[in-house]
C-alpha atoms as a PDB file:
ATOM      1  CA  UNK A   1    -136.096 212.114  20.773  1.00  0.00           C
ATOM      2  CA  UNK A   2    -137.014 208.922  18.950  1.00  0.00           C
ATOM      3  CA  UNK A   3    -140.547 207.613  19.100  1.00  0.00           C
ATOM      4  CA  UNK A   4    -141.077 204.588  21.344  1.00  0.00           C
ATOM      5  CA  UNK A   5    -144.429 203.549  19.810  1.00  0.00           C
ATOM      6  CA  UNK A   6    -143.798 199.944  18.789  1.00  0.00           C
ATOM      7  CA  UNK A   7    -146.419 199.942  16.017  1.00  0.00           C
ATOM      8  CA  UNK A   8    -144.860 203.020  14.461  1.00  0.00           C
ATOM      9  CA  UNK A   9    -141.417 201.432  14.700  1.00  0.00           C
ATOM     10  CA  UNK A  10    -142.679 198.292  12.997  1.00  0.00           C
ATOM     11  CA  UNK A  11    -144.153 200.341  10.151  1.00  0.00           C
ATOM     12  CA  UNK A  12    -140.804 202.051   9.551  1.00  0.00           C
ATOM     13  CA  UNK A  13    -138.965 198.714   9.655  1.00  0.00           C
ATOM     14  CA  UNK A  14    -141.418 197.137   7.207  1.00  0.00           C
ATOM     15  CA  UNK A  15    -140.856 200.004   4.775  1.00  0.00           C
ATOM     16  CA  UNK A  16    -137.079 199.514   4.947  1.00  0.00           C
ATOM     17  CA  UNK A  17    -137.468 195.764   4.500  1.00  0.00           C
ATOM     18  CA  UNK A  18    -139.768 196.181   1.502  1.00  0.00           C
ATOM     19  CA  UNK A  19    -137.013 197.388  -0.860  1.00  0.00           C
ATOM     20  CA  UNK A  20    -139.759 199.150  -2.772  1.00  0.00           C
ATOM     21  CA  UNK A  21    -139.892 202.941  -2.819  1.00  0.00           C
ATOM     22  CA  UNK A  22    -136.455 204.517  -2.325  1.00  0.00           C
ATOM     23  CA  UNK A  23    -137.969 207.804  -1.127  1.00  0.00           C
ATOM     24  CA  UNK A  24    -140.139 206.038   1.453  1.00  0.00           C
ATOM     25  CA  UNK A  25    -137.206 203.919   2.605  1.00  0.00           C
ATOM     26  CA  UNK A  26    -135.032 207.007   3.044  1.00  0.00           C
ATOM     27  CA  UNK A  27    -137.804 208.672   5.088  1.00  0.00           C
ATOM     28  CA  UNK A  28    -138.150 205.548   7.252  1.00  0.00           C
ATOM     29  CA  UNK A  29    -134.413 205.459   7.901  1.00  0.00           C
ATOM     30  CA  UNK A  30    -134.467 209.128   8.935  1.00  0.00           C
ATOM     31  CA  UNK A  31    -137.406 208.415  11.261  1.00  0.00           C
ATOM     32  CA  UNK A  32    -135.481 205.596  12.963  1.00  0.00           C
ATOM     33  CA  UNK A  33    -132.153 207.416  13.104  1.00  0.00           C
ATOM     34  CA  UNK A  34    -132.662 209.118  16.522  1.00  0.00           C
ATOM     35  CA  UNK A  35    -133.569 205.787  18.121  1.00  0.00           C
ATOM     36  CA  UNK A  36    -130.616 203.983  16.561  1.00  0.00           C
ATOM     37  CA  UNK A  37    -128.177 206.714  17.601  1.00  0.00           C
ATOM     38  CA  UNK A  38    -129.483 206.819  21.171  1.00  0.00           C
ATOM     39  CA  UNK A  39    -129.371 203.015  21.437  1.00  0.00           C
ATOM     40  CA  UNK A  40    -125.815 202.974  20.066  1.00  0.00           C
ATOM     41  CA  UNK A  41    -124.843 205.615  22.618  1.00  0.00           C
ATOM     42  CA  UNK A  42    -126.290 203.578  25.491  1.00  0.00           C
ATOM     43  CA  UNK A  43    -124.581 200.399  24.266  1.00  0.00           C
ATOM     44  CA  UNK A  44    -121.233 202.220  24.166  1.00  0.00           C
ATOM     45  CA  UNK A  45    -121.740 203.476  27.715  1.00  0.00           C
ATOM     46  CA  UNK A  46    -122.682 199.983  28.838  1.00  0.00           C
ATOM     47  CA  UNK A  47    -119.564 198.478  27.224  1.00  0.00           C
ATOM     48  CA  UNK A  48    -117.330 201.275  28.512  1.00  0.00           C
ATOM     49  CA  UNK A  49    -115.496 201.791  25.216  1.00  0.00           C
ATOM     50  CA  UNK A  50    -113.189 204.724  24.527  1.00  0.00           C
ATOM     51  CA  UNK A  51    -114.706 208.081  23.684  1.00  0.00           C
ATOM     52  CA  UNK A  52    -113.256 208.021  20.167  1.00  0.00           C
ATOM     53  CA  UNK A  53    -114.524 204.509  19.431  1.00  0.00           C
ATOM     54  CA  UNK A  54    -117.957 205.432  20.821  1.00  0.00           C
ATOM     55  CA  UNK A  55    -118.088 208.540  18.641  1.00  0.00           C
ATOM     56  CA  UNK A  56    -117.175 206.572  15.512  1.00  0.00           C
ATOM     57  CA  UNK A  57    -119.588 203.742  16.330  1.00  0.00           C
ATOM     58  CA  UNK A  58    -122.537 206.066  16.970  1.00  0.00           C
ATOM     59  CA  UNK A  59    -121.883 207.905  13.712  1.00  0.00           C
ATOM     60  CA  UNK A  60    -121.783 204.624  11.799  1.00  0.00           C
ATOM     61  CA  UNK A  61    -124.698 202.920  13.584  1.00  0.00           C
ATOM     62  CA  UNK A  62    -127.347 203.902  11.019  1.00  0.00           C
ATOM     63  CA  UNK A  63    -125.268 202.684   8.083  1.00  0.00           C
ATOM     64  CA  UNK A  64    -124.375 199.532   9.997  1.00  0.00           C
ATOM     65  CA  UNK A  65    -128.058 198.685  10.427  1.00  0.00           C
ATOM     66  CA  UNK A  66    -129.473 199.829   7.091  1.00  0.00           C
ATOM     67  CA  UNK A  67    -126.705 199.579   4.463  1.00  0.00           C
ATOM     68  CA  UNK A  68    -126.755 196.437   2.294  1.00  0.00           C
ATOM     69  CA  UNK A  69    -124.119 193.873   3.307  1.00  0.00           C
ATOM     70  CA  UNK A  70    -122.728 190.919   1.415  1.00  0.00           C
ATOM     71  CA  UNK A  71    -124.040 187.499   2.451  1.00  0.00           C
ATOM     72  CA  UNK A  72    -122.257 184.168   2.170  1.00  0.00           C
ATOM     73  CA  UNK A  73    -124.687 183.009  -0.507  1.00  0.00           C
ATOM     74  CA  UNK A  74    -123.761 185.992  -2.662  1.00  0.00           C
ATOM     75  CA  UNK A  75    -126.878 188.039  -1.898  1.00  0.00           C
ATOM     76  CA  UNK A  76    -127.093 191.378  -0.140  1.00  0.00           C
ATOM     77  CA  UNK A  77    -129.464 192.736   2.501  1.00  0.00           C
ATOM     78  CA  UNK A  78    -129.515 195.282   5.285  1.00  0.00           C
ATOM     79  CA  UNK A  79    -128.962 194.066   8.829  1.00  0.00           C
ATOM     80  CA  UNK A  80    -132.315 195.510   9.839  1.00  0.00           C
ATOM     81  CA  UNK A  81    -133.961 193.086   7.385  1.00  0.00           C
ATOM     82  CA  UNK A  82    -133.114 190.301   9.846  1.00  0.00           C
ATOM     83  CA  UNK A  83    -135.688 191.586  12.322  1.00  0.00           C
ATOM     84  CA  UNK A  84    -138.956 189.697  12.719  1.00  0.00           C
ATOM     85  CA  UNK A  85    -141.820 190.562  15.129  1.00  0.00           C
ATOM     86  CA  UNK A  86    -141.383 187.093  16.607  1.00  0.00           C
ATOM     87  CA  UNK A  87    -137.961 188.293  17.853  1.00  0.00           C
ATOM     88  CA  UNK A  88    -139.742 190.507  20.394  1.00  0.00           C
ATOM     89  CA  UNK A  89    -139.925 194.313  20.573  1.00  0.00           C
ATOM     90  CA  UNK A  90    -137.844 196.092  17.971  1.00  0.00           C
ATOM     91  CA  UNK A  91    -136.159 198.226  20.630  1.00  0.00           C
ATOM     92  CA  UNK A  92    -134.840 195.100  22.371  1.00  0.00           C
ATOM     93  CA  UNK A  93    -133.719 193.537  19.092  1.00  0.00           C
ATOM     94  CA  UNK A  94    -131.954 196.785  18.148  1.00  0.00           C
ATOM     95  CA  UNK A  95    -130.106 196.881  21.470  1.00  0.00           C
ATOM     96  CA  UNK A  96    -128.934 193.278  21.094  1.00  0.00           C
ATOM     97  CA  UNK A  97    -127.877 193.777  17.468  1.00  0.00           C
ATOM     98  CA  UNK A  98    -125.851 196.901  18.238  1.00  0.00           C
ATOM     99  CA  UNK A  99    -124.370 195.285  21.355  1.00  0.00           C
ATOM    100  CA  UNK A 100    -122.922 192.367  19.376  1.00  0.00           C
ATOM    101  CA  UNK A 101    -121.943 194.637  16.516  1.00  0.00           C
ATOM    102  CA  UNK A 102    -119.948 196.779  18.961  1.00  0.00           C
ATOM    103  CA  UNK A 103    -118.220 193.667  20.308  1.00  0.00           C
ATOM    104  CA  UNK A 104    -117.146 192.807  16.742  1.00  0.00           C
ATOM    105  CA  UNK A 105    -115.943 196.372  16.142  1.00  0.00           C
ATOM    106  CA  UNK A 106    -114.001 196.373  19.437  1.00  0.00           C
ATOM    107  CA  UNK A 107    -112.305 193.080  18.617  1.00  0.00           C
ATOM    108  CA  UNK A 108    -111.310 194.307  15.162  1.00  0.00           C
ATOM    109  CA  UNK A 109    -109.961 197.532  16.665  1.00  0.00           C
ATOM    110  CA  UNK A 110    -107.858 195.592  19.171  1.00  0.00           C
ATOM    111  CA  UNK A 111    -106.498 193.334  16.436  1.00  0.00           C
ATOM    112  CA  UNK A 112    -105.710 196.354  14.265  1.00  0.00           C
ATOM    113  CA  UNK A 113    -103.951 198.173  17.115  1.00  0.00           C
ATOM    114  CA  UNK A 114    -101.981 195.071  18.037  1.00  0.00           C
ATOM    115  CA  UNK A 115    -100.937 194.515  14.426  1.00  0.00           C
ATOM    116  CA  UNK A 116     -99.922 198.152  13.981  1.00  0.00           C
ATOM    117  CA  UNK A 117     -97.885 198.091  17.203  1.00  0.00           C
ATOM    118  CA  UNK A 118     -96.148 194.875  16.195  1.00  0.00           C
ATOM    119  CA  UNK A 119     -95.364 196.132  12.706  1.00  0.00           C
ATOM    120  CA  UNK A 120     -94.059 199.423  14.088  1.00  0.00           C
ATOM    121  CA  UNK A 121     -91.855 197.533  16.505  1.00  0.00           C
ATOM    122  CA  UNK A 122     -90.505 195.375  13.672  1.00  0.00           C
ATOM    123  CA  UNK A 123     -89.997 198.413  11.428  1.00  0.00           C
ATOM    124  CA  UNK A 124     -88.116 200.211  14.202  1.00  0.00           C
ATOM    125  CA  UNK A 125     -85.972 197.132  14.597  1.00  0.00           C
ATOM    126  CA  UNK A 126     -85.111 196.988  10.897  1.00  0.00           C
ATOM    127  CA  UNK A 127     -83.964 200.603  10.861  1.00  0.00           C
ATOM    128  CA  UNK A 128     -82.245 200.727  14.249  1.00  0.00           C
ATOM    129  CA  UNK A 129     -78.565 201.772  14.373  1.00  0.00           C
ATOM    130  CA  UNK A 130     -78.664 202.173  10.576  1.00  0.00           C
ATOM    131  CA  UNK A 131     -78.175 198.430  10.242  1.00  0.00           C
ATOM    132  CA  UNK A 132     -79.951 195.180  10.996  1.00  0.00           C
ATOM    133  CA  UNK A 133     -80.067 196.022  14.693  1.00  0.00           C
ATOM    134  CA  UNK A 134     -81.050 193.691  17.508  1.00  0.00           C
ATOM    135  CA  UNK A 135     -83.919 193.119  19.902  1.00  0.00           C
ATOM    136  CA  UNK A 136     -81.442 191.996  22.548  1.00  0.00           C
ATOM    137  CA  UNK A 137     -81.049 194.852  25.002  1.00  0.00           C
ATOM    138  CA  UNK A 138     -77.706 195.590  26.676  1.00  0.00           C
ATOM    139  CA  UNK A 139     -77.032 193.023  29.375  1.00  0.00           C
ATOM    140  CA  UNK A 140     -79.927 190.798  28.289  1.00  0.00           C
ATOM    141  CA  UNK A 141     -78.248 188.535  25.760  1.00  0.00           C
ATOM    142  CA  UNK A 142     -77.319 185.915  28.353  1.00  0.00           C
ATOM    143  CA  UNK A 143     -80.707 186.046  30.042  1.00  0.00           C
ATOM    144  CA  UNK A 144     -82.857 183.225  28.611  1.00  0.00           C
ATOM    145  CA  UNK A 145     -86.485 183.547  27.603  1.00  0.00           C
ATOM    146  CA  UNK A 146     -89.045 182.841  30.293  1.00  0.00           C
ATOM    147  CA  UNK A 147     -91.012 179.595  30.225  1.00  0.00           C
ATOM    148  CA  UNK A 148     -94.086 181.250  28.726  1.00  0.00           C
ATOM    149  CA  UNK A 149     -92.128 182.746  25.837  1.00  0.00           C
ATOM    150  CA  UNK A 150     -90.406 179.430  25.132  1.00  0.00           C
ATOM    151  CA  UNK A 151     -93.738 177.595  25.064  1.00  0.00           C
ATOM    152  CA  UNK A 152     -95.112 180.214  22.703  1.00  0.00           C
ATOM    153  CA  UNK A 153     -92.093 179.974  20.409  1.00  0.00           C
ATOM    154  CA  UNK A 154     -92.403 176.192  20.327  1.00  0.00           C
ATOM    155  CA  UNK A 155     -95.979 176.605  19.069  1.00  0.00           C
ATOM    156  CA  UNK A 156     -94.641 178.351  15.940  1.00  0.00           C
ATOM    157  CA  UNK A 157     -93.728 176.403  12.851  1.00  0.00           C
ATOM    158  CA  UNK A 158     -90.155 175.083  13.175  1.00  0.00           C
ATOM    159  CA  UNK A 159     -88.604 177.147  10.381  1.00  0.00           C
ATOM    160  CA  UNK A 160     -90.465 180.267  11.535  1.00  0.00           C
ATOM    161  CA  UNK A 161     -88.691 179.927  14.890  1.00  0.00           C
ATOM    162  CA  UNK A 162     -85.321 180.000  13.169  1.00  0.00           C
ATOM    163  CA  UNK A 163     -86.136 182.841  10.782  1.00  0.00           C
ATOM    164  CA  UNK A 164     -87.684 185.174  13.352  1.00  0.00           C
ATOM    165  CA  UNK A 165     -85.261 184.562  16.196  1.00  0.00           C
ATOM    166  CA  UNK A 166     -82.117 184.520  14.062  1.00  0.00           C
ATOM    167  CA  UNK A 167     -83.109 187.680  12.182  1.00  0.00           C
ATOM    168  CA  UNK A 168     -83.669 189.567  15.430  1.00  0.00           C
ATOM    169  CA  UNK A 169     -80.746 187.928  17.260  1.00  0.00           C
ATOM    170  CA  UNK A 170     -83.169 186.623  19.858  1.00  0.00           C
ATOM    171  CA  UNK A 171     -81.758 183.167  19.179  1.00  0.00           C
ATOM    172  CA  UNK A 172     -79.169 184.052  21.849  1.00  0.00           C
ATOM    173  CA  UNK A 173     -81.934 183.915  24.437  1.00  0.00           C
ATOM    174  CA  UNK A 174     -82.843 180.301  23.634  1.00  0.00           C
ATOM    175  CA  UNK A 175     -80.977 177.620  25.634  1.00  0.00           C
ATOM    176  CA  UNK A 176     -78.161 176.354  23.401  1.00  0.00           C
ATOM    177  CA  UNK A 177     -79.204 172.688  23.347  1.00  0.00           C
ATOM    178  CA  UNK A 178     -82.792 173.605  22.547  1.00  0.00           C
ATOM    179  CA  UNK A 179     -81.708 175.940  19.736  1.00  0.00           C
ATOM    180  CA  UNK A 180     -79.433 173.267  18.300  1.00  0.00           C
ATOM    181  CA  UNK A 181     -82.280 170.745  18.363  1.00  0.00           C
ATOM    182  CA  UNK A 182     -84.493 173.179  16.442  1.00  0.00           C
ATOM    183  CA  UNK A 183     -81.763 173.676  13.838  1.00  0.00           C
ATOM    184  CA  UNK A 184     -81.341 169.910  13.542  1.00  0.00           C
ATOM    185  CA  UNK A 185     -85.105 169.492  13.117  1.00  0.00           C
ATOM    186  CA  UNK A 186     -84.981 171.884  10.148  1.00  0.00           C
ATOM    187  CA  UNK A 187     -81.743 170.479   8.688  1.00  0.00           C
ATOM    188  CA  UNK A 188     -79.997 173.819   9.175  1.00  0.00           C
ATOM    189  CA  UNK A 189     -76.245 173.532   9.665  1.00  0.00           C
ATOM    190  CA  UNK A 190     -74.656 174.896  12.819  1.00  0.00           C
ATOM    191  CA  UNK A 191     -73.525 177.404  13.788  1.00  0.00           C
ATOM    192  CA  UNK A 192     -76.683 179.313  12.982  1.00  0.00           C
ATOM    193  CA  UNK A 193     -76.897 182.266  12.690  1.00  0.00           C
ATOM    194  CA  UNK A 194     -73.568 181.862  10.918  1.00  0.00           C
ATOM    195  CA  UNK A 195     -72.039 185.330  11.382  1.00  0.00           C
ATOM    196  CA  UNK A 196     -72.171 188.293  13.760  1.00  0.00           C
ATOM    197  CA  UNK A 197     -74.817 190.828  12.820  1.00  0.00           C
ATOM    198  CA  UNK A 198     -72.554 193.651  11.662  1.00  0.00           C
ATOM    199  CA  UNK A 199     -74.051 194.368   8.250  1.00  0.00           C
ATOM    200  CA  UNK A 200     -74.760 197.878   7.033  1.00  0.00           C
ATOM    201  CA  UNK A 201     -78.021 196.924   5.336  1.00  0.00           C
ATOM    202  CA  UNK A 202     -80.946 194.932   6.713  1.00  0.00           C
ATOM    203  CA  UNK A 203     -81.381 192.975   3.470  1.00  0.00           C
ATOM    204  CA  UNK A 204     -77.753 191.822   3.635  1.00  0.00           C
ATOM    205  CA  UNK A 205     -78.428 190.169   6.985  1.00  0.00           C
ATOM    206  CA  UNK A 206     -81.596 188.474   5.718  1.00  0.00           C
ATOM    207  CA  UNK A 207     -79.690 187.250   2.664  1.00  0.00           C
ATOM    208  CA  UNK A 208     -77.041 185.590   4.846  1.00  0.00           C
ATOM    209  CA  UNK A 209     -79.722 183.860   6.904  1.00  0.00           C
ATOM    210  CA  UNK A 210     -81.616 182.746   3.797  1.00  0.00           C
ATOM    211  CA  UNK A 211     -78.471 181.209   2.324  1.00  0.00           C
ATOM    212  CA  UNK A 212     -77.699 179.426   5.588  1.00  0.00           C
ATOM    213  CA  UNK A 213     -81.222 177.955   5.646  1.00  0.00           C
ATOM    214  CA  UNK A 214     -80.938 177.058   1.959  1.00  0.00           C
ATOM    215  CA  UNK A 215     -83.967 179.152   1.062  1.00  0.00           C
ATOM    216  CA  UNK A 216     -84.416 181.702  -1.669  1.00  0.00           C
ATOM    217  CA  UNK A 217     -83.784 185.208  -0.421  1.00  0.00           C
ATOM    218  CA  UNK A 218     -87.162 186.379  -1.701  1.00  0.00           C
ATOM    219  CA  UNK A 219     -88.963 183.568   0.136  1.00  0.00           C
ATOM    220  CA  UNK A 220     -87.076 184.303   3.352  1.00  0.00           C
ATOM    221  CA  UNK A 221     -88.019 187.998   3.230  1.00  0.00           C
ATOM    222  CA  UNK A 222     -91.627 187.106   2.484  1.00  0.00           C
ATOM    223  CA  UNK A 223     -91.793 184.790   5.509  1.00  0.00           C
ATOM    224  CA  UNK A 224     -90.227 187.473   7.704  1.00  0.00           C
ATOM    225  CA  UNK A 225     -92.738 190.146   6.737  1.00  0.00           C
ATOM    226  CA  UNK A 226     -95.710 187.774   6.986  1.00  0.00           C
ATOM    227  CA  UNK A 227     -94.788 186.206  10.325  1.00  0.00           C
ATOM    228  CA  UNK A 228     -92.967 188.972  12.201  1.00  0.00           C
ATOM    229  CA  UNK A 229     -96.125 189.854  14.138  1.00  0.00           C
ATOM    230  CA  UNK A 230     -95.484 186.694  16.184  1.00  0.00           C
ATOM    231  CA  UNK A 231     -92.620 188.538  17.875  1.00  0.00           C
ATOM    232  CA  UNK A 232     -95.053 191.017  19.407  1.00  0.00           C
ATOM    233  CA  UNK A 233     -96.695 188.157  21.323  1.00  0.00           C
ATOM    234  CA  UNK A 234     -93.535 187.511  23.350  1.00  0.00           C
ATOM    235  CA  UNK A 235     -93.453 188.912  26.891  1.00  0.00           C
ATOM    236  CA  UNK A 236     -89.819 189.938  26.404  1.00  0.00           C
ATOM    237  CA  UNK A 237     -90.590 191.986  23.281  1.00  0.00           C
ATOM    238  CA  UNK A 238     -93.699 193.569  24.826  1.00  0.00           C
ATOM    239  CA  UNK A 239     -91.630 194.635  27.819  1.00  0.00           C
ATOM    240  CA  UNK A 240     -89.013 196.213  25.554  1.00  0.00           C
ATOM    241  CA  UNK A 241     -91.761 198.045  23.696  1.00  0.00           C
ATOM    242  CA  UNK A 242     -93.327 199.321  26.931  1.00  0.00           C
ATOM    243  CA  UNK A 243     -89.964 200.457  28.249  1.00  0.00           C
ATOM    244  CA  UNK A 244     -89.232 202.269  24.980  1.00  0.00           C
END
């Protein structure tokens, strides 16, 4: 069990902050480790994170507090070096620091999971049916996007709308007049997409779309791979993913 004597804690922190004797610093870190681990465990319980995330966070808590980190000014220092006695008791400062650190870790984990799910969905799409495939489920092609999805799509850059929706054949779910106005805005000739999606290879389909938009095929593919995560934000696509 970690010591709760504040004076002893302050002595260990001062040693770590001193950047003097490596052996003494290592001993101070080991002395503080039980307290840091227990505080990290309590923060995880308080936040109600998953067991796996809690396990990883607790294991990394010591390094997170004591390992040097890069600063904006180019310098490096350990997070624990930020503590000052004027901040109040070290135990309270440690709780607050780990609490906000866990929030950052949780947000990054959610973003990573969302990105992985979206990329997997897009990869599955590219390899479906051994051809370019389609996000449009049977019987859904005449069912337009909901208002929320349309508002979200309209927040994308104009040419991104055309690339992403044409490539996935979701353009069929946009009201015709609206789709035609988007094509006109981007100076893309109608009809667009120009041909049925019956190509054997995914890159053949992208090449047709690139030519129709008067873009280089390499640039079109680059935009697709960089922006395809937008598709995962659509309610329609999320529902397909959940159903699958």
